[in-house]
Amino acid sequence: MAARKSDTKLYVLDTNVLIHDPVAILNFEEHQVVIPMTVLEELDKLKMGKASIATDCREAIRQIDRIIGDASPTEIAKGVPIIRPDGGTYGHFSILLDSFDAPHRALPDNLNDNKIINSLVILQERSPHRDVVLITKDINMRLKARGCGIGAQDYQNDQMVSDVSLLETGFQRVEGSFWETQTTVDTFHDETGTYHKIPLENLPEELYANRFIVDEKGFIGRVDRIGEQFALIRDLPYEQLMGQSAWGLTPRDIPQALALHLLLDPDVHLVTLSGQAGSGKTILALAAAIEMTVATKQFRRIIATRSTRGLDEDIGYLPGTEAEKMEPWLGAITDNLEALHNDDEHSKSSVDYILQKVPLQFKSLNYIRGRSFQHSLILIDECQNLTPHQMKTIVTRAGAGSKVVCLGNLAQIDTPYLNPISSGLTYLIERFKEFPYGGTIHLEGSPRSPLAEYAESHL
């Protein structure tokens, strides 16, 4: 008769999990968390770099040091209690030494991933009454571990939705007429517009401030406030929305109009725009940014950055200023500046003039982290490549009077350790659904060209 397995499992964390979330060790409740020595060695190599991940590596190392404290080597091998802030314990933490016996070796040990998996095979043999589970963001490593008989899982503690199709879009379409579903409405007007006070029981279940309701008859409403029994809906006339203009740019469809409405609203401090390539994310954000810095003087400067593989590394020692080094990475910004001035007689001169006169600064993510920006519009492109932890460190840089605009396309993730569900963009949208000074819009279609739209849906 087989012995009953223990209820507490051994969760072994890969390096990429600690980079993804430096405090991941604290998120496994009563179970034992194990860090292979190979993972500590990889953190040690990465901690001194100038890449953005170096900060996360150092934080993970500090977290491990806080947990271990003055424990003896024997105690560390068996498992050190992970102390909660209230004095209780989460579970235990231990470090797994890399010691391989030839008969047990499952994979060639020329790769660090293989060393970790081999050590887990031995750990499972030594702990037959406990489940050993590898936690890694690396899909291929999970496959190799399973092939060697080791359980393997993705790190999902910071995943907010189970399916990206459930992600908040920022607006809800209502079939037919919205007003045909209403029985009690109190309408009033003031200097800011027309408002409707509607019982919550007559509105969609999921209702958040700055979310929009759009029906097929032309009604568009924005949720202004939500009370215990009623919600205040601001009436937004179709013609007014579609007639908005920012630096000469007008919206082409309703989602673009809703996005521009949020971008230009001084009371909305965080705007996230998602959507496929060519849906207008960058050009809308850039036009609104120029309008609010040059025309209305709402912000002192525009700080533009983007997350992409390569940009997160050191920008190097090439000749030129930081802005000159950054410009190739921020081609999308200058491309959209040209698009905004296509109709000018001398469009190139117009773009050069704007770059000289508009307080537009191109910055690397390394520059953004650790700074605080006052009265600035911070424009972050390609946010789908950021982890939730990286997203937090950047958004928290916004100081007094600043606005953050995050753009991204979840279908174009360039890092092997993220997917649409675990992306920092998804995390931000879901976390800020109930933030009264934030809003999100998922842009539809591909107005870039019929060719781009067909390629997006067929290739």
Protein backbone atom coordinates (compact mmCIF):
# COMPACT_ATOMS: atom_id res chain seq x y z
CA MET A 1 0.00 0.00 0.00
CA ALA A 2 1.46 3.36 -1.07
CA ALA A 3 2.15 5.92 1.66
CA ARG A 4 -0.12 8.97 1.69
CA LYS A 5 1.50 12.05 0.22
CA SER A 6 1.96 15.19 2.32
CA ASP A 7 -0.48 18.07 1.76
CA THR A 8 2.40 20.54 1.54
CA LYS A 9 4.16 20.64 -1.80
CA LEU A 10 7.70 21.60 -2.82
CA TYR A 11 7.48 24.51 -5.27
CA VAL A 12 10.79 25.12 -7.06
CA LEU A 13 11.12 28.59 -8.60
CA ASP A 14 12.99 29.30 -11.81
CA THR A 15 15.02 32.50 -12.33
CA ASN A 16 12.48 34.07 -14.68
CA VAL A 17 9.76 33.81 -12.01
CA LEU A 18 11.82 35.90 -9.57
CA ILE A 19 12.54 38.45 -12.30
CA HIS A 20 8.83 38.54 -13.18
CA ASP A 21 7.87 39.03 -9.51
CA PRO A 22 10.71 39.52 -6.97
CA VAL A 23 8.38 38.72 -4.05
CA ALA A 24 7.04 35.49 -5.60
CA ILE A 25 8.51 33.51 -2.68
CA LEU A 26 5.73 34.89 -0.45
CA ASN A 27 2.89 33.70 -2.66
CA PHE A 28 2.76 29.93 -2.05
CA GLU A 29 0.84 29.88 1.26
CA GLU A 30 1.73 26.96 3.54
CA HIS A 31 3.89 25.12 0.99
CA GLN A 32 7.69 24.96 0.88
CA VAL A 33 9.44 27.17 -1.66
CA VAL A 34 12.77 25.93 -3.02
CA ILE A 35 15.41 27.92 -4.92
CA PRO A 36 18.08 25.85 -6.75
CA MET A 37 21.67 27.09 -6.35
CA THR A 38 21.81 27.49 -10.15
CA VAL A 39 19.02 30.10 -9.89
CA LEU A 40 21.00 32.05 -7.27
CA GLU A 41 24.02 31.96 -9.58
CA GLU A 42 21.94 33.33 -12.47
CA LEU A 43 20.56 36.11 -10.25
CA ASP A 44 24.11 36.92 -9.20
CA LYS A 45 25.23 37.29 -12.83
CA LEU A 46 22.27 39.53 -13.72
CA LYS A 47 22.15 41.74 -10.62
CA MET A 48 25.04 44.02 -11.64
CA GLY A 49 23.91 44.68 -15.20
CA LYS A 50 22.43 47.93 -16.46
CA ALA A 51 19.44 46.14 -17.90
CA SER A 52 16.06 46.84 -16.35
CA ILE A 53 15.91 43.29 -14.99
CA ALA A 54 18.93 43.97 -12.75
CA THR A 55 16.71 45.93 -10.34
CA ASP A 56 14.29 42.99 -10.06
CA CYS A 57 17.19 40.57 -9.52
CA ARG A 58 18.56 42.67 -6.68
CA GLU A 59 15.11 42.89 -5.06
CA ALA A 60 14.69 39.10 -5.28
CA ILE A 61 18.11 38.58 -3.68
CA ARG A 62 17.23 41.00 -0.86
CA GLN A 63 13.95 39.15 -0.33
CA ILE A 64 15.80 35.82 0.01
CA ASP A 65 18.30 37.41 2.42
CA ARG A 66 15.47 38.78 4.61
CA ILE A 67 13.86 35.34 4.83
CA ILE A 68 17.06 33.42 5.62
CA GLY A 69 18.33 35.90 8.22
CA ASP A 70 20.87 34.17 10.49
CA ALA A 71 19.65 30.61 9.85
CA SER A 72 22.29 27.87 9.85
CA PRO A 73 23.16 25.88 6.68
CA THR A 74 21.28 22.87 8.09
CA GLU A 75 18.17 24.97 8.74
CA ILE A 76 18.35 26.45 5.23
CA ALA A 77 18.57 22.97 3.68
CA LYS A 78 15.56 21.73 5.68
CA GLY A 79 13.47 24.88 5.27
CA VAL A 80 13.38 28.29 7.01
CA PRO A 81 9.93 29.57 8.07
CA ILE A 82 8.66 32.46 5.91
CA ILE A 83 7.38 34.99 8.45
CA ARG A 84 4.25 37.02 7.66
CA PRO A 85 3.94 40.69 8.71
CA ASP A 86 1.46 39.63 11.44
CA GLY A 87 3.99 37.20 12.93
CA GLY A 88 2.52 34.01 11.46
CA THR A 89 4.20 31.91 8.80
CA TYR A 90 3.46 31.40 5.10
CA GLY A 91 5.33 28.15 4.75
CA HIS A 92 9.03 27.34 4.46
CA PHE A 93 11.92 28.35 2.20
CA SER A 94 15.02 26.35 1.31
CA ILE A 95 17.93 26.41 -1.10
CA LEU A 96 18.61 23.26 -3.17
CA LEU A 97 22.28 22.43 -3.69
CA ASP A 98 23.30 21.23 -7.15
CA SER A 99 24.62 17.73 -6.56
CA PHE A 100 24.16 15.20 -9.35
CA ASP A 101 24.76 11.49 -9.30
CA ALA A 102 25.42 10.07 -12.75
CA PRO A 103 22.75 7.32 -12.58
CA HIS A 104 20.08 9.91 -11.75
CA ARG A 105 21.04 12.43 -14.40
CA ALA A 106 18.02 12.95 -16.63
CA LEU A 107 19.41 15.57 -19.04
CA PRO A 108 22.89 16.71 -20.17
CA ASP A 109 24.02 19.28 -17.59
CA ASN A 110 25.56 21.70 -20.07
CA LEU A 111 22.61 24.10 -19.64
CA ASN A 112 21.46 25.76 -16.43
CA ASP A 113 17.85 24.76 -17.17
CA ASN A 114 18.95 21.13 -17.36
CA LYS A 115 20.91 21.42 -14.10
CA ILE A 116 17.79 22.66 -12.34
CA ILE A 117 15.62 19.88 -13.77
CA ASN A 118 18.21 17.22 -12.88
CA SER A 119 18.33 18.49 -9.30
CA LEU A 120 14.53 18.26 -9.12
CA VAL A 121 14.60 14.65 -10.29
CA ILE A 122 16.87 13.84 -7.34
CA LEU A 123 14.77 15.98 -4.98
CA GLN A 124 11.66 14.03 -6.00
CA GLU A 125 13.45 10.75 -5.31
CA ARG A 126 14.54 11.98 -1.88
CA SER A 127 11.02 13.26 -1.08
CA PRO A 128 8.72 10.54 -2.45
CA HIS A 129 5.86 11.56 -0.14
CA ARG A 130 5.71 15.16 -1.40
CA ASP A 131 4.83 16.61 -4.80
CA VAL A 132 7.72 18.53 -6.39
CA VAL A 133 6.51 21.23 -8.77
CA LEU A 134 8.70 23.45 -10.95
CA ILE A 135 7.40 27.04 -11.31
CA THR A 136 8.74 28.74 -14.44
CA LYS A 137 7.64 31.25 -17.08
CA ASP A 138 9.65 29.28 -19.68
CA ILE A 139 7.24 27.06 -21.67
CA ASN A 140 10.01 24.85 -23.08
CA MET A 141 11.49 24.29 -19.63
CA ARG A 142 8.06 23.19 -18.38
CA LEU A 143 7.89 20.69 -21.24
CA LYS A 144 11.35 19.31 -20.46
CA ALA A 145 10.50 18.98 -16.76
CA ARG A 146 7.29 17.08 -17.53
CA GLY A 147 9.24 14.83 -19.85
CA CYS A 148 11.46 13.93 -16.87
CA GLY A 149 8.48 13.17 -14.65
CA ILE A 150 8.49 16.48 -12.74
CA GLY A 151 5.33 18.54 -12.37
CA ALA A 152 5.66 22.03 -13.87
CA GLN A 153 3.43 25.10 -13.80
CA ASP A 154 3.40 28.70 -14.96
CA TYR A 155 3.55 31.44 -12.30
CA GLN A 156 0.00 32.80 -12.20
CA ASN A 157 -0.27 34.70 -8.92
CA ASP A 158 -0.56 38.09 -10.66
CA GLN A 159 -2.84 36.96 -13.48
CA MET A 160 -6.10 38.88 -13.28
CA VAL A 161 -8.16 37.10 -15.96
CA SER A 162 -8.38 33.47 -17.08
CA ASP A 163 -9.03 34.38 -20.72
CA VAL A 164 -7.89 37.52 -22.53
CA SER A 165 -11.32 37.71 -24.19
CA LEU A 166 -12.69 38.62 -20.73
CA LEU A 167 -10.42 41.68 -20.50
CA GLU A 168 -12.13 45.00 -19.84
CA THR A 169 -12.72 46.93 -23.11
CA GLY A 170 -13.87 50.18 -21.56
CA PHE A 171 -17.30 50.23 -23.18
CA GLN A 172 -20.35 48.02 -23.46
CA ARG A 173 -22.55 47.75 -26.52
CA VAL A 174 -26.30 47.50 -25.97
CA GLU A 175 -28.51 45.91 -28.63
CA GLY A 176 -31.32 48.12 -29.86
CA SER A 177 -32.15 51.19 -27.79
CA PHE A 178 -30.70 51.68 -24.31
CA TRP A 179 -33.69 53.81 -23.32
CA GLU A 180 -36.20 51.01 -24.05
CA THR A 181 -34.69 49.10 -21.10
CA GLN A 182 -35.14 52.01 -18.68
CA THR A 183 -38.20 52.74 -16.55
CA THR A 184 -37.01 55.39 -14.09
CA VAL A 185 -34.65 58.14 -15.23
CA ASP A 186 -33.94 61.51 -13.61
CA THR A 187 -32.33 63.85 -16.15
CA PHE A 188 -30.74 67.22 -15.39
CA HIS A 189 -28.40 69.72 -17.04
CA ASP A 190 -25.56 71.90 -15.81
CA GLU A 191 -22.69 73.84 -17.34
CA THR A 192 -20.72 70.61 -17.96
CA GLY A 193 -23.46 68.75 -19.86
CA THR A 194 -26.50 66.49 -19.54
CA TYR A 195 -26.68 63.76 -16.90
CA HIS A 196 -29.03 60.84 -16.28
CA LYS A 197 -29.55 59.37 -12.80
CA ILE A 198 -30.42 55.69 -13.35
CA PRO A 199 -31.07 52.87 -10.83
CA LEU A 200 -28.24 50.32 -10.74
CA GLU A 201 -30.71 47.48 -11.22
CA ASN A 202 -31.43 48.80 -14.73
CA LEU A 203 -27.74 48.96 -15.72
CA PRO A 204 -25.17 46.30 -16.68
CA GLU A 205 -23.82 44.32 -13.70
CA GLU A 206 -20.20 45.28 -14.29
CA LEU A 207 -20.16 49.04 -14.02
CA TYR A 208 -17.10 51.20 -13.42
CA ALA A 209 -16.40 54.92 -13.43
CA ASN A 210 -15.38 56.21 -16.89
CA ARG A 211 -16.83 53.15 -18.63
CA PHE A 212 -19.03 53.86 -21.65
CA ILE A 213 -22.42 52.54 -22.73
CA VAL A 214 -23.10 52.54 -26.48
CA ASP A 215 -26.37 51.46 -28.12
CA GLU A 216 -27.35 50.85 -31.74
CA LYS A 217 -29.54 53.96 -31.91
CA GLY A 218 -26.76 56.47 -31.34
CA PHE A 219 -26.82 56.91 -27.56
CA ILE A 220 -23.42 57.15 -25.89
CA GLY A 221 -23.11 57.56 -22.13
CA ARG A 222 -20.15 57.73 -19.78
CA VAL A 223 -20.42 56.47 -16.22
CA ASP A 224 -19.65 59.54 -14.14
CA ARG A 225 -20.31 58.28 -10.60
CA ILE A 226 -21.65 55.14 -8.98
CA GLY A 227 -23.64 55.30 -5.75
CA GLU A 228 -25.23 52.61 -3.60
CA GLN A 229 -28.50 52.57 -5.57
CA PHE A 230 -27.99 54.86 -8.56
CA ALA A 231 -25.38 55.66 -11.18
CA LEU A 232 -24.86 59.01 -12.86
CA ILE A 233 -24.48 58.69 -16.63
CA ARG A 234 -23.16 61.63 -18.63
CA ASP A 235 -24.81 61.97 -22.03
CA LEU A 236 -22.25 62.33 -24.83
CA PRO A 237 -23.85 63.38 -28.15
CA TYR A 238 -22.54 61.41 -31.12
CA GLU A 239 -21.80 64.53 -33.18
CA GLN A 240 -19.87 66.09 -30.29
CA LEU A 241 -17.69 63.00 -29.82
CA MET A 242 -16.96 62.50 -33.51
CA GLY A 243 -16.27 66.24 -33.90
CA GLN A 244 -13.46 66.24 -31.31
CA SER A 245 -10.09 67.35 -32.60
CA ALA A 246 -6.58 67.08 -31.20
CA TRP A 247 -3.79 68.77 -33.18
CA GLY A 248 -5.95 68.48 -36.29
CA LEU A 249 -6.72 64.78 -35.78
CA THR A 250 -10.37 63.67 -35.59
CA PRO A 251 -11.59 60.14 -34.67
CA ARG A 252 -12.64 57.68 -37.39
CA ASP A 253 -14.97 55.53 -35.30
CA ILE A 254 -16.68 55.40 -31.91
CA PRO A 255 -13.87 53.58 -29.99
CA GLN A 256 -11.36 56.16 -31.26
CA ALA A 257 -13.74 58.94 -30.21
CA LEU A 258 -14.09 57.45 -26.72
CA ALA A 259 -10.31 57.11 -26.46
CA LEU A 260 -9.75 60.74 -27.48
CA HIS A 261 -12.42 61.83 -25.00
CA LEU A 262 -10.49 60.15 -22.15
CA LEU A 263 -7.12 61.38 -23.38
CA LEU A 264 -8.25 65.02 -23.42
CA ASP A 265 -10.05 64.85 -20.06
CA PRO A 266 -7.91 66.61 -17.41
CA ASP A 267 -9.61 64.61 -14.64
CA VAL A 268 -8.46 61.24 -16.04
CA HIS A 269 -4.90 60.57 -14.88
CA LEU A 270 -4.33 57.13 -16.40
CA VAL A 271 -5.47 56.00 -19.86
CA THR A 272 -4.74 52.57 -21.31
CA LEU A 273 -5.33 51.94 -25.01
CA SER A 274 -5.13 48.42 -26.39
CA GLY A 275 -5.83 47.12 -29.87
CA GLN A 276 -4.32 45.58 -32.94
CA ALA A 277 -1.69 47.16 -35.17
CA GLY A 278 -3.00 50.18 -37.01
CA SER A 279 -6.00 50.78 -34.77
CA GLY A 280 -4.80 54.30 -33.97
CA LYS A 281 -3.36 53.95 -30.46
CA THR A 282 -0.14 55.88 -30.94
CA ILE A 283 -1.39 58.62 -33.24
CA LEU A 284 -4.37 59.38 -30.96
CA ALA A 285 -2.16 59.52 -27.88
CA LEU A 286 0.47 61.65 -29.60
CA ALA A 287 -2.05 64.13 -31.03
CA ALA A 288 -3.72 64.50 -27.64
CA ALA A 289 -0.32 64.88 -25.94
CA ILE A 290 0.75 67.70 -28.29
CA GLU A 291 -2.64 69.38 -27.93
CA MET A 292 -2.39 69.35 -24.13
CA THR A 293 1.22 70.60 -23.98
CA VAL A 294 1.30 73.15 -26.82
CA ALA A 295 -2.31 74.37 -27.16
CA THR A 296 -3.82 74.12 -23.67
CA LYS A 297 -0.53 74.12 -21.68
CA GLN A 298 -1.91 71.42 -19.37
CA PHE A 299 1.48 69.70 -19.17
CA ARG A 300 5.02 71.03 -19.26
CA ARG A 301 6.47 68.19 -21.32
CA ILE A 302 5.83 64.88 -23.02
CA ILE A 303 8.03 61.95 -21.99
CA ALA A 304 7.89 59.14 -24.54
CA THR A 305 9.30 55.68 -23.97
CA ARG A 306 8.56 52.20 -25.15
CA SER A 307 9.13 48.67 -23.97
CA THR A 308 10.69 46.32 -26.48
CA ARG A 309 13.40 43.72 -26.40
CA GLY A 310 16.70 45.53 -26.70
CA LEU A 311 15.40 48.82 -25.32
CA ASP A 312 15.24 47.32 -21.84
CA GLU A 313 18.97 46.71 -22.04
CA ASP A 314 21.70 49.29 -21.72
CA ILE A 315 21.39 51.92 -24.48
CA GLY A 316 25.13 51.60 -25.00
CA TYR A 317 28.07 53.85 -25.68
CA LEU A 318 27.23 54.88 -29.23
CA PRO A 319 27.86 58.56 -30.04
CA GLY A 320 25.02 60.96 -29.46
CA THR A 321 22.64 62.10 -26.78
CA GLU A 322 20.15 59.83 -25.05
CA ALA A 323 17.42 61.21 -27.32
CA GLU A 324 19.47 60.42 -30.45
CA LYS A 325 20.10 56.88 -29.21
CA MET A 326 16.44 56.43 -28.38
CA GLU A 327 15.07 57.77 -31.67
CA PRO A 328 15.44 54.51 -33.67
CA TRP A 329 13.42 52.70 -30.99
CA LEU A 330 10.77 55.39 -30.98
CA GLY A 331 10.26 55.43 -34.74
CA ALA A 332 6.54 54.87 -34.17
CA ILE A 333 6.36 58.30 -32.51
CA THR A 334 8.13 60.15 -35.34
CA ASP A 335 6.18 58.15 -37.95
CA ASN A 336 2.94 59.31 -36.39
CA LEU A 337 4.20 62.89 -36.18
CA GLU A 338 4.68 62.73 -39.95
CA ALA A 339 1.18 61.31 -40.36
CA LEU A 340 -0.26 64.23 -38.39
CA HIS A 341 1.36 66.65 -40.82
CA ASN A 342 0.90 64.77 -44.11
CA ASP A 343 -1.33 67.50 -45.48
CA ASP A 344 1.17 70.27 -44.81
CA GLU A 345 2.90 71.78 -47.82
CA HIS A 346 6.29 70.93 -46.32
CA SER A 347 5.53 68.03 -44.00
CA LYS A 348 9.20 67.28 -43.14
CA SER A 349 9.77 70.87 -42.11
CA SER A 350 6.60 70.72 -39.99
CA VAL A 351 7.84 67.61 -38.19
CA ASP A 352 11.27 69.16 -37.57
CA TYR A 353 9.58 72.29 -36.24
CA ILE A 354 7.38 70.25 -33.89
CA LEU A 355 10.36 68.26 -32.60
CA GLN A 356 12.15 71.56 -31.87
CA LYS A 357 9.21 73.40 -30.30
CA VAL A 358 7.21 70.68 -28.55
CA PRO A 359 8.73 69.65 -25.19
CA LEU A 360 8.92 66.02 -26.36
CA GLN A 361 11.63 63.95 -24.68
CA PHE A 362 12.56 60.42 -25.69
CA LYS A 363 13.68 58.43 -22.64
CA SER A 364 14.78 54.86 -22.01
CA LEU A 365 12.93 52.75 -19.45
CA ASN A 366 16.12 52.76 -17.37
CA TYR A 367 15.74 56.55 -17.10
CA ILE A 368 12.05 56.33 -16.19
CA ARG A 369 12.56 53.88 -13.32
CA GLY A 370 13.50 55.60 -10.08
CA ARG A 371 12.44 59.09 -11.22
CA SER A 372 9.41 61.19 -10.36
CA PHE A 373 7.87 63.40 -13.05
CA GLN A 374 5.77 66.46 -12.21
CA HIS A 375 3.26 68.05 -14.62
CA SER A 376 4.29 65.66 -17.39
CA LEU A 377 2.45 63.46 -19.84
CA ILE A 378 4.19 60.08 -19.78
CA LEU A 379 3.56 58.10 -22.96
CA ILE A 380 4.54 54.41 -22.73
CA ASP A 381 4.30 52.40 -25.95
CA GLU A 382 4.51 48.59 -26.37
CA CYS A 383 3.33 47.99 -22.78
CA GLN A 384 2.41 44.39 -23.59
CA ASN A 385 6.10 43.50 -23.13
CA LEU A 386 6.21 44.72 -19.52
CA THR A 387 5.74 42.42 -16.53
CA PRO A 388 3.22 43.46 -13.85
CA HIS A 389 6.10 44.40 -11.55
CA GLN A 390 7.76 46.55 -14.23
CA MET A 391 4.43 48.21 -14.97
CA LYS A 392 4.05 49.12 -11.31
CA THR A 393 7.52 50.65 -11.08
CA ILE A 394 6.85 52.85 -14.10
CA VAL A 395 3.28 54.00 -13.37
CA THR A 396 4.28 54.95 -9.82
CA ARG A 397 6.71 57.49 -11.32
CA ALA A 398 3.85 59.88 -12.09
CA GLY A 399 4.07 62.91 -9.82
CA ALA A 400 1.68 65.78 -9.12
CA GLY A 401 -0.20 67.03 -12.17
CA SER A 402 1.02 64.20 -14.42
CA LYS A 403 -0.87 61.84 -16.70
CA VAL A 404 0.19 58.36 -17.84
CA VAL A 405 -0.89 56.91 -21.19
CA CYS A 406 -0.13 53.22 -21.76
CA LEU A 407 -0.39 51.69 -25.23
CA GLY A 408 -0.09 48.09 -26.31
CA ASN A 409 -1.15 45.24 -28.55
CA LEU A 410 -1.53 41.92 -26.72
CA ALA A 411 -1.19 40.06 -30.03
CA GLN A 412 2.42 41.27 -30.40
CA ILE A 413 4.30 40.15 -27.29
CA ASP A 414 8.05 39.90 -27.96
CA THR A 415 9.27 38.24 -24.76
CA PRO A 416 9.15 34.44 -24.31
CA TYR A 417 8.18 34.75 -20.64
CA LEU A 418 4.90 36.64 -21.10
CA ASN A 419 1.57 35.87 -22.74
CA PRO A 420 -1.58 37.99 -23.14
CA ILE A 421 -2.90 36.82 -19.76
CA SER A 422 0.30 37.46 -17.77
CA SER A 423 1.27 40.71 -19.53
CA GLY A 424 1.65 43.84 -17.43
CA LEU A 425 -0.80 45.61 -19.75
CA THR A 426 -3.54 43.09 -18.89
CA TYR A 427 -2.64 43.39 -15.20
CA LEU A 428 -2.86 47.21 -15.32
CA ILE A 429 -6.21 47.29 -17.15
CA GLU A 430 -7.83 44.86 -14.70
CA ARG A 431 -6.28 46.39 -11.57
CA PHE A 432 -7.42 49.91 -12.49
CA LYS A 433 -10.99 49.06 -13.52
CA GLU A 434 -12.35 50.64 -10.36
CA PHE A 435 -9.93 53.60 -10.26
CA PRO A 436 -12.17 56.72 -10.49
CA TYR A 437 -9.48 58.73 -12.30
CA GLY A 438 -8.58 56.14 -14.92
CA GLY A 439 -10.06 54.75 -18.10
CA THR A 440 -9.35 52.15 -20.76
CA ILE A 441 -10.46 51.62 -24.35
CA HIS A 442 -9.90 48.64 -26.63
CA LEU A 443 -9.66 50.05 -30.14
CA GLU A 444 -11.21 48.08 -32.97
CA GLY A 445 -10.46 47.62 -36.64
CA SER A 446 -7.29 48.47 -38.52
CA PRO A 447 -7.67 51.83 -40.26
CA ARG A 448 -4.00 51.75 -41.30
CA SER A 449 -4.89 50.19 -44.66
CA PRO A 450 -7.03 47.37 -46.16
CA LEU A 451 -3.78 45.40 -46.59
CA ALA A 452 -2.85 45.76 -42.89
CA GLU A 453 -6.37 44.84 -41.76
CA TYR A 454 -6.41 41.71 -43.95
CA ALA A 455 -2.93 40.68 -42.79
CA GLU A 456 -3.88 41.11 -39.12
CA SER A 457 -6.87 38.77 -39.46
CA HIS A 458 -5.52 36.23 -41.98
CA LEU A 459 -1.79 35.77 -41.35
